[in-house]
Protein backbone atom coordinates (compact mmCIF):
# COMPACT_ATOMS: atom_id res chain seq x y z
CA MET A 1 57.59 76.88 169.45
CA ALA A 2 59.76 79.30 171.35
CA ASN A 3 61.01 78.96 174.90
CA ILE A 4 60.84 81.90 177.31
CA LYS A 5 64.32 83.20 176.40
CA GLN A 6 63.52 83.10 172.68
CA THR A 7 60.22 84.83 173.37
CA LEU A 8 61.91 87.65 175.28
CA ASP A 9 64.69 88.02 172.68
CA SER A 10 62.06 88.27 169.95
CA LEU A 11 60.26 91.08 171.81
CA MET A 12 63.51 93.03 172.04
CA GLU A 13 63.91 93.03 168.23
CA LEU A 14 61.25 95.71 167.86
CA ASP A 15 62.46 99.30 167.58
CA GLY A 16 61.96 101.11 170.88
CA ALA A 17 61.85 97.98 173.05
CA LEU A 18 63.46 98.62 176.43
CA CYS A 19 62.74 95.47 178.45
CA ALA A 20 60.33 92.60 178.83
CA ALA A 21 59.45 89.82 181.23
CA VAL A 22 57.33 86.72 181.42
CA VAL A 23 55.57 86.67 184.78
CA ASP A 24 53.70 84.09 186.86
CA SER A 25 50.68 86.01 188.12
CA THR A 26 49.94 83.52 190.89
CA SER A 27 53.21 84.42 192.64
CA GLY A 28 54.29 87.68 190.99
CA MET A 29 57.64 86.09 190.17
CA MET A 30 59.42 86.48 186.84
CA LEU A 31 59.96 83.37 184.77
CA GLY A 32 62.43 85.29 182.64
CA SER A 33 63.44 88.84 181.76
CA VAL A 34 65.55 90.84 179.34
CA GLY A 35 66.59 94.47 178.91
CA THR A 36 66.80 97.52 181.12
CA GLY A 37 64.81 100.64 181.86
CA VAL A 38 62.71 99.59 184.85
CA ASP A 39 63.27 97.31 187.82
CA LEU A 40 61.58 94.25 186.37
CA GLU A 41 61.25 92.42 189.69
CA ILE A 42 59.24 95.28 191.16
CA ALA A 43 57.30 95.70 187.92
CA ALA A 44 56.45 91.98 187.81
CA ALA A 45 55.08 92.03 191.34
CA GLY A 46 53.20 95.31 190.85
CA ASN A 47 51.68 94.37 187.52
CA THR A 48 50.55 91.06 188.97
CA GLU A 49 48.29 93.17 191.20
CA VAL A 50 47.05 95.09 188.14
CA VAL A 51 46.11 91.84 186.38
CA ARG A 52 44.42 90.44 189.48
CA ALA A 53 42.43 93.65 190.01
CA LYS A 54 41.21 93.68 186.41
CA VAL A 55 40.13 90.04 186.55
CA LYS A 56 38.33 90.68 189.85
CA THR A 57 36.57 93.72 188.38
CA MET A 58 35.51 91.79 185.28
CA ARG A 59 34.01 89.08 187.51
CA ALA A 60 32.17 91.69 189.62
CA LEU A 61 30.72 93.17 186.43
CA GLY A 62 29.64 89.75 185.22
CA LEU A 63 31.76 90.05 182.09
CA ASN A 64 32.29 86.68 180.50
CA ASP A 65 35.36 87.67 178.49
CA VAL A 66 39.15 87.52 178.47
CA ILE A 67 41.81 90.24 178.52
CA ASP A 68 43.68 90.56 175.23
CA ASP A 69 46.10 93.10 176.60
CA MET A 70 46.35 96.12 178.87
CA LEU A 71 48.13 99.31 177.89
CA ILE A 72 49.58 101.79 180.33
CA THR A 73 50.73 104.95 178.58
CA LEU A 74 53.28 107.05 180.45
CA GLY A 75 54.87 110.29 179.33
CA LYS A 76 57.90 108.53 177.85
CA GLN A 77 56.98 104.84 177.78
CA TYR A 78 54.36 102.30 176.80
CA HIS A 79 53.81 99.36 179.15
CA ILE A 80 51.95 96.42 177.63
CA ILE A 81 50.60 93.59 179.77
CA ARG A 82 49.44 90.59 177.78
CA PRO A 83 47.99 87.59 179.63
CA SER A 84 49.06 84.40 177.91
CA SER A 85 46.46 82.65 175.80
CA ARG A 86 48.50 79.44 176.12
CA LYS A 87 49.22 79.27 179.85
CA GLU A 88 46.74 80.44 182.47
CA GLY A 89 48.28 82.60 185.19
CA VAL A 90 51.16 83.88 183.05
CA PHE A 91 51.54 87.26 181.36
CA ILE A 92 54.02 89.08 179.17
CA TYR A 93 55.15 92.49 180.42
CA TYR A 94 56.65 94.66 177.68
CA VAL A 95 58.15 98.16 178.08
CA LEU A 96 58.82 100.42 175.10
CA ASP A 97 60.19 103.90 174.49
CA LYS A 98 57.15 105.95 173.45
CA GLY A 99 59.18 108.18 171.13
CA ARG A 100 60.66 105.30 169.13
CA ALA A 101 58.13 102.48 169.29
CA ASN A 102 55.16 101.83 167.05
CA LEU A 103 52.36 100.90 169.46
CA ALA A 104 50.37 98.86 166.93
CA MET A 105 53.46 96.85 166.01
CA ALA A 106 54.33 96.32 169.69
CA ARG A 107 50.86 94.99 170.51
CA ARG A 108 51.05 92.70 167.48
CA LYS A 109 54.52 91.50 168.48
CA ALA A 110 53.29 90.64 171.99
CA GLN A 111 50.36 88.74 170.47
CA ASP A 112 52.62 86.84 168.06
CA VAL A 113 55.20 85.79 170.67
CA ASP A 114 52.42 84.68 173.01
CA LYS A 115 51.19 82.29 170.32
CA GLU A 116 54.70 80.89 169.84
CA MET A 117 55.71 80.67 173.50
CA ASN A 118 56.28 77.17 174.85
CA PHE A 119 56.85 76.47 178.52
C-alpha cells in the first residue's frame, strides 16, 4: 500500500507527467500535490466542482453507476480526474503534456495508483 506521497511520486514517473494532486472533494482541499504546470490549489477547488456537477447530473438522470475517470483534453495538456475507488470523496487529479504523454498509459497509471493508495 502506498501513502499519498508515494502515490503522487508514482504518477510523476510517467513520461509527460507535469503535476498531480490528491483532493478531498468535500472541501476542495488538496491532501497532497507534486509537480508544476498549473496552480494546483485552484485546480483542486475547480475540479471539485466538476466532480460534484457530474455526480449531480448522474443522479438526475437516474444512472446507478460510478465514475471511472473524467478526461479533459486541452490543446497542450490532458487533465485526468479519477475518483478514488478506495476512499469516497477523494479524487486524483493528473496533468500531462499532450505531446509527450501516452493517454492510455496515463489512465492506467491513475487506475493502478488508486488501487495502491492508502490513507
